[in-house]
């Protein structure tokens, strides 16, 4: 069950995204939000500089709590060089949390959307694509330290 704050954020996100990227009218951000606690186990390469272009970067996590417990998941983070709270551009409605930086071994509480393509249409830095095309790429809506 979504809290009032989460419902308002998800509803705003749906309307905001529809205006920006043309979501179908029957889609909403709250359809498939999952909350998990997960350990960051792989950042496959150095993050690109933020000044070149807007991008999302895929990292591998091992879930240590929540509905996906004990599984490995791939999670896309928008501009991971920036603290989540400092993101103020058009993606502010889709990125939040208290994580300031990403390092292998960190444990995060994540809120994930299962359909990345509904939220992010821009460049995706995904080093895992060459070996794993089938796994879901989750979009990270919220990243907090655990």
Protein backbone atom coordinates (compact mmCIF):
# COMPACT_ATOMS: atom_id res chain seq x y z
CA UNK A 1 0.00 0.00 0.00
CA UNK A 2 1.36 3.42 -0.94
CA UNK A 3 1.54 6.21 1.62
CA UNK A 4 -0.18 9.46 0.76
CA UNK A 5 3.20 11.05 -0.03
CA UNK A 6 4.19 8.15 -2.31
CA UNK A 7 0.79 8.21 -4.03
CA UNK A 8 1.04 11.97 -4.61
CA UNK A 9 4.61 11.60 -5.92
CA UNK A 10 3.60 8.71 -8.19
CA UNK A 11 0.53 10.57 -9.45
CA UNK A 12 2.57 13.71 -10.13
CA UNK A 13 5.21 11.58 -11.84
CA UNK A 14 2.57 10.04 -14.12
CA UNK A 15 1.19 13.42 -15.18
CA UNK A 16 4.68 14.93 -15.50
CA UNK A 17 5.92 12.06 -17.65
CA UNK A 18 2.83 12.09 -19.84
CA UNK A 19 3.54 15.73 -20.59
CA UNK A 20 7.23 15.12 -21.25
CA UNK A 21 7.42 11.81 -23.05
CA UNK A 22 3.88 10.85 -23.94
CA UNK A 23 3.05 7.94 -21.65
CA UNK A 24 -0.06 6.05 -22.59
CA UNK A 25 -3.04 7.29 -20.60
CA UNK A 26 -3.56 3.93 -18.83
CA UNK A 27 -0.01 3.76 -17.37
CA UNK A 28 1.04 5.07 -13.97
CA UNK A 29 4.28 5.20 -12.00
CA UNK A 30 2.78 3.33 -9.06
CA UNK A 31 1.94 0.20 -11.10
CA UNK A 32 5.11 -1.70 -10.28
CA UNK A 33 7.07 0.05 -7.52
CA UNK A 34 9.08 -2.37 -5.38
CA UNK A 35 10.87 -1.54 -2.13
CA UNK A 36 14.03 -3.52 -1.40
CA UNK A 37 17.20 -3.34 0.63
CA UNK A 38 20.17 -4.22 -1.55
CA UNK A 39 23.96 -4.32 -1.52
CA UNK A 40 25.73 -2.68 -4.44
CA UNK A 41 27.98 -5.42 -5.81
CA UNK A 42 29.15 -4.10 -9.17
CA UNK A 43 29.84 -0.79 -10.86
CA UNK A 44 31.33 -2.08 -14.11
CA UNK A 45 33.17 1.07 -15.27
CA UNK A 46 33.86 4.69 -14.39
CA UNK A 47 30.82 6.98 -14.54
CA UNK A 48 30.77 9.32 -17.55
CA UNK A 49 31.15 13.05 -16.80
CA UNK A 50 27.81 14.76 -16.11
CA UNK A 51 28.60 17.76 -18.29
CA UNK A 52 28.57 15.80 -21.56
CA UNK A 53 24.94 14.66 -21.53
CA UNK A 54 22.14 13.40 -19.29
CA UNK A 55 22.35 9.65 -18.80
CA UNK A 56 21.34 6.75 -16.58
CA UNK A 57 23.92 4.20 -15.43
CA UNK A 58 23.18 0.52 -14.72
CA UNK A 59 24.68 -1.12 -11.61
CA UNK A 60 24.31 -4.63 -10.16
CA UNK A 61 22.83 -5.17 -6.68
CA UNK A 62 22.24 -8.21 -4.48
CA UNK A 63 18.90 -7.90 -2.71
CA UNK A 64 19.18 -8.53 1.03
CA UNK A 65 15.61 -7.70 2.03
CA UNK A 66 12.24 -7.29 0.39
CA UNK A 67 10.25 -9.13 -2.25
CA UNK A 68 13.30 -9.91 -4.42
CA UNK A 69 15.41 -11.21 -1.50
CA UNK A 70 18.61 -13.10 -2.47
CA UNK A 71 18.41 -12.18 -6.13
CA UNK A 72 20.77 -10.09 -8.22
CA UNK A 73 19.16 -7.14 -9.97
CA UNK A 74 20.24 -4.46 -12.43
CA UNK A 75 19.35 -0.92 -11.42
CA UNK A 76 19.62 2.27 -13.48
CA UNK A 77 20.53 5.44 -11.59
CA UNK A 78 20.21 8.87 -13.16
CA UNK A 79 23.52 10.82 -13.09
CA UNK A 80 25.14 8.77 -10.30
CA UNK A 81 27.95 11.30 -9.76
CA UNK A 82 25.41 13.64 -8.14
CA UNK A 83 23.89 13.22 -4.66
CA UNK A 84 20.25 12.23 -5.10
CA UNK A 85 19.05 15.33 -3.20
CA UNK A 86 20.98 17.66 -5.56
CA UNK A 87 19.15 16.59 -8.71
CA UNK A 88 17.04 19.58 -9.66
CA UNK A 89 16.50 19.19 -13.41
CA UNK A 90 13.58 17.63 -15.31
CA UNK A 91 14.22 14.25 -13.61
CA UNK A 92 13.63 15.55 -10.06
CA UNK A 93 10.18 13.94 -10.07
CA UNK A 94 11.79 10.54 -10.74
CA UNK A 95 14.94 10.64 -8.60
CA UNK A 96 15.18 11.23 -4.86
CA UNK A 97 16.79 9.98 -1.70
CA UNK A 98 19.68 10.62 0.65
CA UNK A 99 22.47 8.68 -1.09
CA UNK A 100 25.37 11.05 -1.79
CA UNK A 101 27.58 8.70 -3.80
CA UNK A 102 27.76 5.11 -5.02
CA UNK A 103 30.47 2.62 -4.01
CA UNK A 104 30.66 -1.17 -4.21
CA UNK A 105 29.70 -2.63 -0.84
CA UNK A 106 27.20 0.10 0.07
CA UNK A 107 23.76 -1.07 1.20
CA UNK A 108 20.79 0.97 0.02
CA UNK A 109 17.07 1.07 0.58
CA UNK A 110 15.67 1.37 -2.93
CA UNK A 111 12.31 2.09 -4.46
CA UNK A 112 12.33 0.65 -7.95
CA UNK A 113 10.11 0.98 -11.00
CA UNK A 114 10.13 -2.16 -13.12
CA UNK A 115 9.63 -0.44 -16.47
CA UNK A 116 12.65 1.79 -16.99
CA UNK A 117 11.59 2.68 -20.53
CA UNK A 118 8.43 4.39 -19.30
CA UNK A 119 10.51 6.82 -17.25
CA UNK A 120 13.83 7.17 -19.09
CA UNK A 121 14.16 7.71 -22.84
CA UNK A 122 17.70 9.08 -22.86
CA UNK A 123 21.14 7.43 -23.05
CA UNK A 124 21.59 4.34 -20.89
CA UNK A 125 25.12 3.29 -19.95
CA UNK A 126 24.63 -0.46 -19.56
CA UNK A 127 27.83 -2.51 -19.53
CA UNK A 128 25.76 -5.63 -18.76
CA UNK A 129 23.88 -5.52 -22.10
CA UNK A 130 26.58 -7.51 -23.91
CA UNK A 131 26.14 -10.55 -21.64
CA UNK A 132 22.63 -10.13 -20.23
CA UNK A 133 19.83 -8.81 -22.40
CA UNK A 134 17.00 -10.61 -20.61
CA UNK A 135 17.18 -9.25 -17.04
CA UNK A 136 14.89 -6.39 -16.09
CA UNK A 137 16.57 -3.03 -15.76
CA UNK A 138 14.90 -1.31 -12.82
CA UNK A 139 14.72 2.48 -12.57
CA UNK A 140 15.71 3.75 -9.13
CA UNK A 141 13.10 6.23 -7.92
CA UNK A 142 14.52 6.53 -4.38
CA UNK A 143 17.96 5.59 -3.02
CA UNK A 144 18.60 5.93 0.71
CA UNK A 145 21.44 4.55 2.83
CA UNK A 146 20.34 1.43 4.72
